[in-house]
Amino acid sequence: MDALLSRLRKGVESLLIVTLTGMVLLTFIDVIGRRLFGTPVYGAHDATEHLMAIMVFCGLPLLTAARGHLTVDLFDKVLLRPGMGWWHRLISALMTAVLLLIAYEFLNAAIEAGEIREVSQSLSIPRGGIYAFIAFTSLLSALAALIGCFVPVNPHATPHQENPT
């Protein structure tokens, strides 16, 4: 099981690298074309918008599983005491609920976009697929947050040390 999860993680990380590289190259070519030749890349905004959504929401389950979300350590002395496990479970449960709500809303948006045949402005890329992708990855993130309800917090570990994969 660990080997499968490790392979899956490496595949997602590779997709993130390719997506980011594509965004950088597209932006670079678009800026050079616009500034030097007066001809921007047609549909660069649409393509960048879709690549950004893929990158952000593809990485969300990995980030959630690794407990890598932004945290503020202002109250760590209080919240990392052994008796405060309930607090961490509560926060994980709230994260699960919010991510489930996001998944639900994007699933509804995907269904609606399919019904009305919503497409992007320049390239006419159907929006339903990207909305469904966001719903699916938000659901995976909710599952990772739910699992976080049952994993003890190590106050001396970095996020990657807590859940090694």
N, C-alpha and C. Protein backbone atom coordinates (compact mmCIF):
# COMPACT_ATOMS: atom_id res chain seq x y z
N MET A 1 0.82 -1.20 0.00
CA MET A 1 0.00 0.00 0.00
C MET A 1 0.87 1.26 0.00
N ASP A 2 1.94 1.24 0.81
CA ASP A 2 2.84 2.40 0.86
C ASP A 2 3.52 2.64 -0.48
N ALA A 3 3.86 1.54 -1.18
CA ALA A 3 4.51 1.69 -2.49
C ALA A 3 3.54 2.32 -3.49
N LEU A 4 2.28 1.92 -3.43
CA LEU A 4 1.27 2.49 -4.32
C LEU A 4 1.07 3.98 -4.04
N LEU A 5 0.96 4.33 -2.76
CA LEU A 5 0.79 5.74 -2.40
C LEU A 5 2.01 6.56 -2.78
N SER A 6 3.19 5.98 -2.62
CA SER A 6 4.41 6.68 -2.99
C SER A 6 4.46 6.92 -4.50
N ARG A 7 4.08 5.92 -5.28
CA ARG A 7 4.05 6.07 -6.73
C ARG A 7 3.01 7.10 -7.16
N LEU A 8 1.86 7.06 -6.51
CA LEU A 8 0.80 8.03 -6.80
C LEU A 8 1.27 9.45 -6.49
N ARG A 9 1.92 9.60 -5.35
CA ARG A 9 2.43 10.92 -4.96
C ARG A 9 3.46 11.43 -5.97
N LYS A 10 4.37 10.55 -6.39
CA LYS A 10 5.38 10.95 -7.37
C LYS A 10 4.73 11.32 -8.70
N GLY A 11 3.68 10.61 -9.08
CA GLY A 11 2.96 10.94 -10.31
C GLY A 11 2.29 12.30 -10.23
N VAL A 12 1.66 12.57 -9.10
CA VAL A 12 1.02 13.88 -8.92
C VAL A 12 2.07 14.98 -8.88
N GLU A 13 3.18 14.73 -8.21
CA GLU A 13 4.25 15.73 -8.17
C GLU A 13 4.80 15.99 -9.57
N SER A 14 4.91 14.95 -10.38
CA SER A 14 5.37 15.13 -11.76
C SER A 14 4.38 15.97 -12.56
N LEU A 15 3.09 15.70 -12.38
CA LEU A 15 2.06 16.51 -13.05
C LEU A 15 2.16 17.97 -12.61
N LEU A 16 2.40 18.20 -11.33
CA LEU A 16 2.55 19.57 -10.84
C LEU A 16 3.76 20.26 -11.48
N ILE A 17 4.85 19.54 -11.61
CA ILE A 17 6.06 20.10 -12.23
C ILE A 17 5.80 20.45 -13.69
N VAL A 18 5.16 19.53 -14.42
CA VAL A 18 4.86 19.77 -15.84
C VAL A 18 3.90 20.95 -15.98
N THR A 19 2.90 21.02 -15.12
CA THR A 19 1.93 22.12 -15.18
C THR A 19 2.60 23.46 -14.91
N LEU A 20 3.41 23.52 -13.88
CA LEU A 20 4.11 24.77 -13.55
C LEU A 20 5.07 25.17 -14.67
N THR A 21 5.78 24.20 -15.22
CA THR A 21 6.70 24.48 -16.32
C THR A 21 5.92 25.01 -17.53
N GLY A 22 4.80 24.40 -17.81
CA GLY A 22 3.96 24.87 -18.92
C GLY A 22 3.48 26.29 -18.72
N MET A 23 3.06 26.60 -17.48
CA MET A 23 2.62 27.97 -17.20
C MET A 23 3.75 28.98 -17.37
N VAL A 24 4.92 28.63 -16.88
CA VAL A 24 6.07 29.53 -16.99
C VAL A 24 6.44 29.75 -18.46
N LEU A 25 6.52 28.66 -19.22
CA LEU A 25 6.88 28.79 -20.64
C LEU A 25 5.83 29.58 -21.42
N LEU A 26 4.56 29.28 -21.16
CA LEU A 26 3.49 29.99 -21.86
C LEU A 26 3.53 31.49 -21.54
N THR A 27 3.72 31.82 -20.28
CA THR A 27 3.79 33.23 -19.89
C THR A 27 5.01 33.90 -20.51
N PHE A 28 6.14 33.22 -20.49
CA PHE A 28 7.37 33.77 -21.08
C PHE A 28 7.18 34.03 -22.57
N ILE A 29 6.66 33.05 -23.28
CA ILE A 29 6.46 33.19 -24.72
C ILE A 29 5.43 34.29 -25.01
N ASP A 30 4.38 34.35 -24.20
CA ASP A 30 3.35 35.37 -24.38
C ASP A 30 3.93 36.77 -24.18
N VAL A 31 4.73 36.96 -23.14
CA VAL A 31 5.32 38.28 -22.87
C VAL A 31 6.30 38.65 -23.98
N ILE A 32 7.15 37.72 -24.39
CA ILE A 32 8.12 38.00 -25.46
C ILE A 32 7.36 38.34 -26.75
N GLY A 33 6.35 37.55 -27.06
CA GLY A 33 5.56 37.81 -28.28
C GLY A 33 4.87 39.16 -28.22
N ARG A 34 4.36 39.50 -27.07
CA ARG A 34 3.64 40.76 -26.90
C ARG A 34 4.59 41.95 -26.98
N ARG A 35 5.72 41.87 -26.28
CA ARG A 35 6.65 43.01 -26.20
C ARG A 35 7.52 43.19 -27.45
N LEU A 36 8.04 42.08 -27.97
CA LEU A 36 8.98 42.20 -29.08
C LEU A 36 8.31 42.18 -30.45
N PHE A 37 7.25 41.40 -30.58
CA PHE A 37 6.64 41.22 -31.89
C PHE A 37 5.23 41.79 -31.99
N GLY A 38 4.69 42.27 -30.87
CA GLY A 38 3.35 42.83 -30.88
C GLY A 38 2.26 41.79 -31.11
N THR A 39 2.61 40.52 -30.91
CA THR A 39 1.66 39.43 -31.14
C THR A 39 1.64 38.50 -29.93
N PRO A 40 0.66 38.65 -29.05
CA PRO A 40 0.58 37.75 -27.90
C PRO A 40 0.12 36.35 -28.33
N VAL A 41 0.31 35.40 -27.47
CA VAL A 41 -0.17 34.03 -27.73
C VAL A 41 -1.69 34.04 -27.57
N TYR A 42 -2.38 33.61 -28.64
CA TYR A 42 -3.84 33.60 -28.59
C TYR A 42 -4.31 32.58 -27.54
N GLY A 43 -5.16 33.03 -26.62
CA GLY A 43 -5.72 32.15 -25.60
C GLY A 43 -4.82 31.87 -24.43
N ALA A 44 -3.74 32.64 -24.29
CA ALA A 44 -2.80 32.41 -23.19
C ALA A 44 -3.50 32.56 -21.83
N HIS A 45 -4.40 33.51 -21.74
CA HIS A 45 -5.11 33.72 -20.48
C HIS A 45 -5.96 32.50 -20.12
N ASP A 46 -6.69 31.97 -21.09
CA ASP A 46 -7.51 30.78 -20.85
C ASP A 46 -6.65 29.59 -20.44
N ALA A 47 -5.58 29.37 -21.19
CA ALA A 47 -4.71 28.23 -20.90
C ALA A 47 -4.08 28.37 -19.52
N THR A 48 -3.61 29.57 -19.18
CA THR A 48 -3.01 29.80 -17.87
C THR A 48 -4.03 29.60 -16.75
N GLU A 49 -5.23 30.05 -16.98
CA GLU A 49 -6.30 29.89 -15.99
C GLU A 49 -6.56 28.40 -15.70
N HIS A 50 -6.63 27.59 -16.74
CA HIS A 50 -6.87 26.16 -16.55
C HIS A 50 -5.66 25.45 -15.94
N LEU A 51 -4.47 25.82 -16.38
CA LEU A 51 -3.26 25.22 -15.80
C LEU A 51 -3.14 25.57 -14.32
N MET A 52 -3.49 26.79 -13.95
CA MET A 52 -3.42 27.21 -12.55
C MET A 52 -4.40 26.39 -11.71
N ALA A 53 -5.61 26.20 -12.21
CA ALA A 53 -6.59 25.39 -11.48
C ALA A 53 -6.10 23.96 -11.30
N ILE A 54 -5.51 23.40 -12.35
CA ILE A 54 -4.98 22.04 -12.24
C ILE A 54 -3.86 21.99 -11.21
N MET A 55 -2.97 22.96 -11.25
CA MET A 55 -1.84 22.96 -10.33
C MET A 55 -2.29 23.11 -8.88
N VAL A 56 -3.15 24.05 -8.61
CA VAL A 56 -3.59 24.30 -7.24
C VAL A 56 -4.37 23.12 -6.67
N PHE A 57 -5.33 22.64 -7.44
CA PHE A 57 -6.21 21.61 -6.90
C PHE A 57 -5.60 20.21 -7.00
N CYS A 58 -4.62 20.02 -7.85
CA CYS A 58 -3.92 18.74 -7.90
C CYS A 58 -3.02 18.61 -6.67
N GLY A 59 -2.44 19.70 -6.25
CA GLY A 59 -1.56 19.68 -5.08
C GLY A 59 -2.30 19.72 -3.76
N LEU A 60 -3.56 20.11 -3.76
CA LEU A 60 -4.32 20.25 -2.51
C LEU A 60 -4.39 18.96 -1.69
N PRO A 61 -4.70 17.80 -2.29
CA PRO A 61 -4.74 16.58 -1.47
C PRO A 61 -3.37 16.23 -0.87
N LEU A 62 -2.30 16.46 -1.64
CA LEU A 62 -0.95 16.19 -1.11
C LEU A 62 -0.64 17.09 0.07
N LEU A 63 -0.97 18.34 -0.07
CA LEU A 63 -0.72 19.32 0.99
C LEU A 63 -1.53 18.99 2.24
N THR A 64 -2.79 18.62 2.04
CA THR A 64 -3.65 18.29 3.18
C THR A 64 -3.17 17.03 3.87
N ALA A 65 -2.79 16.01 3.10
CA ALA A 65 -2.31 14.76 3.69
C ALA A 65 -1.02 14.96 4.47
N ALA A 66 -0.18 15.88 4.01
CA ALA A 66 1.10 16.14 4.69
C ALA A 66 0.96 17.15 5.82
N ARG A 67 -0.27 17.63 6.05
CA ARG A 67 -0.51 18.69 7.04
C ARG A 67 0.38 19.89 6.77
N GLY A 68 0.45 20.25 5.52
CA GLY A 68 1.34 21.32 5.10
C GLY A 68 0.68 22.67 4.93
N HIS A 69 -0.56 22.79 5.37
CA HIS A 69 -1.25 24.07 5.24
C HIS A 69 -0.60 25.13 6.13
N LEU A 70 -0.80 26.35 5.76
CA LEU A 70 -0.27 27.47 6.50
C LEU A 70 -0.77 27.44 7.94
N THR A 71 0.14 27.56 8.87
CA THR A 71 -0.24 27.61 10.28
C THR A 71 0.45 28.79 10.94
N VAL A 72 -0.14 29.27 11.99
CA VAL A 72 0.44 30.35 12.78
C VAL A 72 0.80 29.77 14.13
N ASP A 73 2.04 29.94 14.53
CA ASP A 73 2.50 29.31 15.77
C ASP A 73 2.36 30.23 16.99
N LEU A 74 1.48 31.19 16.91
CA LEU A 74 1.30 32.15 17.99
C LEU A 74 0.88 31.46 19.30
N PHE A 75 0.03 30.46 19.22
CA PHE A 75 -0.49 29.79 20.41
C PHE A 75 0.04 28.35 20.56
N ASP A 76 1.17 28.04 19.93
CA ASP A 76 1.71 26.68 19.99
C ASP A 76 1.97 26.19 21.41
N LYS A 77 2.42 27.05 22.28
CA LYS A 77 2.72 26.61 23.64
C LYS A 77 1.47 26.06 24.33
N VAL A 78 0.32 26.60 23.98
CA VAL A 78 -0.93 26.13 24.56
C VAL A 78 -1.50 24.98 23.76
N LEU A 79 -1.53 25.12 22.44
CA LEU A 79 -2.22 24.15 21.59
C LEU A 79 -1.46 22.85 21.37
N LEU A 80 -0.16 22.83 21.63
CA LEU A 80 0.61 21.61 21.42
C LEU A 80 0.80 20.81 22.71
N ARG A 81 0.10 21.16 23.75
CA ARG A 81 0.13 20.37 24.98
C ARG A 81 -0.56 19.04 24.73
N PRO A 82 -0.18 18.01 25.47
CA PRO A 82 -0.76 16.69 25.26
C PRO A 82 -2.29 16.65 25.40
N GLY A 83 -2.89 17.46 26.24
CA GLY A 83 -4.33 17.43 26.43
C GLY A 83 -5.13 18.16 25.36
N MET A 84 -4.46 18.73 24.38
CA MET A 84 -5.15 19.53 23.37
C MET A 84 -5.41 18.76 22.07
N GLY A 85 -5.34 17.43 22.12
CA GLY A 85 -5.61 16.63 20.93
C GLY A 85 -7.00 16.86 20.39
N TRP A 86 -7.95 17.15 21.28
CA TRP A 86 -9.31 17.42 20.85
C TRP A 86 -9.38 18.61 19.91
N TRP A 87 -8.53 19.61 20.18
CA TRP A 87 -8.52 20.82 19.35
C TRP A 87 -8.08 20.48 17.92
N HIS A 88 -7.03 19.66 17.81
CA HIS A 88 -6.53 19.29 16.48
C HIS A 88 -7.55 18.44 15.73
N ARG A 89 -8.26 17.56 16.44
CA ARG A 89 -9.32 16.78 15.81
C ARG A 89 -10.47 17.68 15.36
N LEU A 90 -10.79 18.68 16.17
CA LEU A 90 -11.86 19.62 15.81
C LEU A 90 -11.48 20.40 14.55
N ILE A 91 -10.26 20.88 14.50
CA ILE A 91 -9.81 21.65 13.32
C ILE A 91 -9.81 20.76 12.08
N SER A 92 -9.34 19.51 12.22
CA SER A 92 -9.36 18.58 11.08
C SER A 92 -10.80 18.30 10.64
N ALA A 93 -11.72 18.18 11.59
CA ALA A 93 -13.13 17.96 11.25
C ALA A 93 -13.70 19.18 10.53
N LEU A 94 -13.36 20.37 10.99
CA LEU A 94 -13.83 21.59 10.32
C LEU A 94 -13.25 21.70 8.90
N MET A 95 -11.98 21.37 8.76
CA MET A 95 -11.37 21.36 7.42
C MET A 95 -12.07 20.37 6.52
N THR A 96 -12.41 19.20 7.08
CA THR A 96 -13.13 18.20 6.30
C THR A 96 -14.46 18.76 5.82
N ALA A 97 -15.19 19.41 6.72
CA ALA A 97 -16.50 19.97 6.37
C ALA A 97 -16.36 21.04 5.28
N VAL A 98 -15.40 21.92 5.41
CA VAL A 98 -15.22 22.99 4.42
C VAL A 98 -14.83 22.40 3.07
N LEU A 99 -13.94 21.42 3.06
CA LEU A 99 -13.52 20.81 1.80
C LEU A 99 -14.67 20.03 1.15
N LEU A 100 -15.50 19.39 1.97
CA LEU A 100 -16.68 18.71 1.43
C LEU A 100 -17.65 19.72 0.81
N LEU A 101 -17.79 20.87 1.45
CA LEU A 101 -18.65 21.92 0.89
C LEU A 101 -18.10 22.42 -0.45
N ILE A 102 -16.79 22.61 -0.52
CA ILE A 102 -16.17 23.04 -1.78
C ILE A 102 -16.40 21.98 -2.86
N ALA A 103 -16.21 20.71 -2.50
CA ALA A 103 -16.42 19.62 -3.46
C ALA A 103 -17.87 19.61 -3.95
N TYR A 104 -18.80 19.77 -3.03
CA TYR A 104 -20.23 19.77 -3.37
C TYR A 104 -20.57 20.92 -4.32
N GLU A 105 -20.08 22.11 -4.00
CA GLU A 105 -20.37 23.27 -4.84
C GLU A 105 -19.77 23.13 -6.24
N PHE A 106 -18.55 22.60 -6.32
CA PHE A 106 -17.95 22.44 -7.64
C PHE A 106 -18.58 21.29 -8.42
N LEU A 107 -19.09 20.29 -7.73
CA LEU A 107 -19.83 19.24 -8.42
C LEU A 107 -21.09 19.82 -9.04
N ASN A 108 -21.80 20.64 -8.28
CA ASN A 108 -22.98 21.32 -8.82
C ASN A 108 -22.60 22.23 -9.99
N ALA A 109 -21.48 22.94 -9.87
CA ALA A 109 -21.03 23.81 -10.95
C ALA A 109 -20.68 23.00 -12.20
N ALA A 110 -20.08 21.81 -12.00
CA ALA A 110 -19.73 20.96 -13.14
C ALA A 110 -20.99 20.47 -13.85
N ILE A 111 -21.98 20.09 -13.08
CA ILE A 111 -23.24 19.63 -13.67
C ILE A 111 -23.91 20.77 -14.44
N GLU A 112 -23.97 21.94 -13.82
CA GLU A 112 -24.58 23.10 -14.49
C GLU A 112 -23.80 23.51 -15.73
N ALA A 113 -22.47 23.50 -15.64
CA ALA A 113 -21.65 23.88 -16.79
C ALA A 113 -21.86 22.90 -17.94
N GLY A 114 -22.06 21.63 -17.62
CA GLY A 114 -22.34 20.65 -18.66
C GLY A 114 -23.70 20.88 -19.30
N GLU A 115 -24.68 21.23 -18.48
CA GLU A 115 -26.03 21.45 -19.00
C GLU A 115 -26.11 22.66 -19.92
N ILE A 116 -25.39 23.73 -19.55
CA ILE A 116 -25.45 24.94 -20.37
C ILE A 116 -24.29 25.03 -21.37
N ARG A 117 -23.45 24.00 -21.38
CA ARG A 117 -22.30 23.94 -22.29
C ARG A 117 -21.38 25.16 -22.13
N GLU A 118 -21.04 25.45 -20.87
CA GLU A 118 -20.17 26.59 -20.57
C GLU A 118 -18.75 26.30 -21.07
N VAL A 119 -18.17 27.29 -21.74
CA VAL A 119 -16.80 27.16 -22.27
C VAL A 119 -16.00 28.41 -21.92
N SER A 120 -14.69 28.29 -22.00
CA SER A 120 -13.83 29.44 -21.75
C SER A 120 -13.96 30.43 -22.90
N GLN A 121 -13.58 31.66 -22.64
CA GLN A 121 -13.85 32.75 -23.57
C GLN A 121 -13.08 32.63 -24.89
N SER A 122 -11.78 32.43 -24.84
CA SER A 122 -10.97 32.45 -26.06
C SER A 122 -10.87 31.09 -26.75
N LEU A 123 -10.54 30.07 -25.99
CA LEU A 123 -10.25 28.76 -26.58
C LEU A 123 -11.44 27.81 -26.59
N SER A 124 -12.54 28.24 -26.00
CA SER A 124 -13.77 27.43 -25.93
C SER A 124 -13.53 26.07 -25.28
N ILE A 125 -12.72 26.06 -24.22
CA ILE A 125 -12.48 24.84 -23.45
C ILE A 125 -13.69 24.63 -22.55
N PRO A 126 -14.31 23.45 -22.59
CA PRO A 126 -15.46 23.19 -21.72
C PRO A 126 -15.08 23.33 -20.24
N ARG A 127 -15.87 24.03 -19.47
CA ARG A 127 -15.58 24.28 -18.06
C ARG A 127 -15.99 23.12 -17.15
N GLY A 128 -16.94 22.32 -17.57
CA GLY A 128 -17.44 21.25 -16.72
C GLY A 128 -16.35 20.30 -16.26
N GLY A 129 -15.43 19.97 -17.12
CA GLY A 129 -14.35 19.05 -16.78
C GLY A 129 -13.44 19.60 -15.69
N ILE A 130 -13.09 20.86 -15.77
CA ILE A 130 -12.21 21.44 -14.76
C ILE A 130 -12.95 21.56 -13.43
N TYR A 131 -14.24 21.88 -13.49
CA TYR A 131 -15.03 21.95 -12.25
C TYR A 131 -15.14 20.57 -11.61
N ALA A 132 -15.32 19.54 -12.42
CA ALA A 132 -15.40 18.17 -11.89
C ALA A 132 -14.06 17.76 -11.28
N PHE A 133 -12.96 18.15 -11.93
CA PHE A 133 -11.64 17.87 -11.39
C PHE A 133 -11.45 18.53 -10.03
N ILE A 134 -11.86 19.78 -9.91
CA ILE A 134 -11.75 20.50 -8.64
C ILE A 134 -12.61 19.83 -7.58
N ALA A 135 -13.81 19.39 -7.95
CA ALA A 135 -14.67 18.69 -7.00
C ALA A 135 -14.02 17.40 -6.52
N PHE A 136 -13.43 16.63 -7.45
CA PHE A 136 -12.79 15.36 -7.10
C PHE A 136 -11.60 15.57 -6.18
N THR A 137 -10.73 16.53 -6.51
CA THR A 137 -9.55 16.75 -5.67
C THR A 137 -9.92 17.35 -4.32
N SER A 138 -10.97 18.13 -4.28
CA SER A 138 -11.45 18.66 -2.99
C SER A 138 -11.99 17.52 -2.13
N LEU A 139 -12.65 16.56 -2.77
CA LEU A 139 -13.13 15.38 -2.05
C LEU A 139 -11.97 14.56 -1.51
N LEU A 140 -10.92 14.38 -2.31
CA LEU A 140 -9.73 13.68 -1.83
C LEU A 140 -9.08 14.43 -0.66
N SER A 141 -9.07 15.75 -0.74
CA SER A 141 -8.51 16.56 0.33
C SER A 141 -9.35 16.43 1.60
N ALA A 142 -10.67 16.37 1.44
CA ALA A 142 -11.55 16.17 2.59
C ALA A 142 -11.26 14.82 3.26
N LEU A 143 -11.03 13.81 2.45
CA LEU A 143 -10.69 12.49 2.99
C LEU A 143 -9.36 12.55 3.75
N ALA A 144 -8.39 13.26 3.19
CA ALA A 144 -7.09 13.41 3.87
C ALA A 144 -7.26 14.17 5.19
N ALA A 145 -8.11 15.19 5.20
CA ALA A 145 -8.36 15.95 6.43
C ALA A 145 -9.08 15.08 7.46
N LEU A 146 -10.00 14.25 7.00
CA LEU A 146 -10.72 13.34 7.90
C LEU A 146 -9.75 12.33 8.53
N ILE A 147 -8.86 11.81 7.74
CA ILE A 147 -7.84 10.90 8.27
C ILE A 147 -6.99 11.62 9.31
N GLY A 148 -6.76 12.92 9.09
CA GLY A 148 -6.00 13.73 10.05
C GLY A 148 -6.66 13.82 11.41
N CYS A 149 -7.95 13.56 11.49
CA CYS A 149 -8.65 13.56 12.78
C CYS A 149 -8.14 12.43 13.68
N PHE A 150 -7.59 11.39 13.07
CA PHE A 150 -7.20 10.21 13.83
C PHE A 150 -5.70 10.03 13.96
N VAL A 151 -4.94 10.98 13.42
CA VAL A 151 -3.48 10.91 13.48
C VAL A 151 -3.00 11.85 14.57
N PRO A 152 -2.22 11.34 15.53
CA PRO A 152 -1.74 12.22 16.60
C PRO A 152 -0.77 13.27 16.06
N VAL A 153 -0.78 14.43 16.68
CA VAL A 153 0.09 15.52 16.28
C VAL A 153 1.39 15.43 17.07
N ASN A 154 2.51 15.46 16.34
CA ASN A 154 3.83 15.48 16.97
C ASN A 154 4.29 16.93 17.03
N PRO A 155 4.38 17.53 18.22
CA PRO A 155 4.69 18.96 18.31
C PRO A 155 6.09 19.32 17.84
N HIS A 156 6.99 18.34 17.71
CA HIS A 156 8.37 18.63 17.33
C HIS A 156 8.66 18.29 15.88
N ALA A 157 7.64 17.85 15.14
CA ALA A 157 7.86 17.41 13.77
C ALA A 157 7.46 18.48 12.78
N THR A 158 8.13 18.47 11.65
CA THR A 158 7.69 19.30 10.53
C THR A 158 6.56 18.56 9.86
N PRO A 159 5.78 19.21 9.00
CA PRO A 159 4.65 18.51 8.37
C PRO A 159 5.04 17.22 7.65
N HIS A 160 6.22 17.16 7.01
CA HIS A 160 6.59 15.96 6.27
C HIS A 160 7.05 14.85 7.21
N GLN A 161 7.44 15.17 8.43
CA GLN A 161 7.84 14.14 9.37
C GLN A 161 6.65 13.47 10.03
N GLU A 162 5.51 14.16 10.05
CA GLU A 162 4.33 13.60 10.71
C GLU A 162 3.75 12.42 9.95
N ASN A 163 3.66 12.55 8.65
CA ASN A 163 3.04 11.52 7.82
C ASN A 163 3.99 11.09 6.72
N PRO A 164 5.04 10.32 7.06
CA PRO A 164 5.99 9.96 6.01
C PRO A 164 5.35 9.01 4.99
N THR A 165 5.68 9.26 3.71
CA THR A 165 5.17 8.38 2.66
C THR A 165 6.29 7.95 1.76
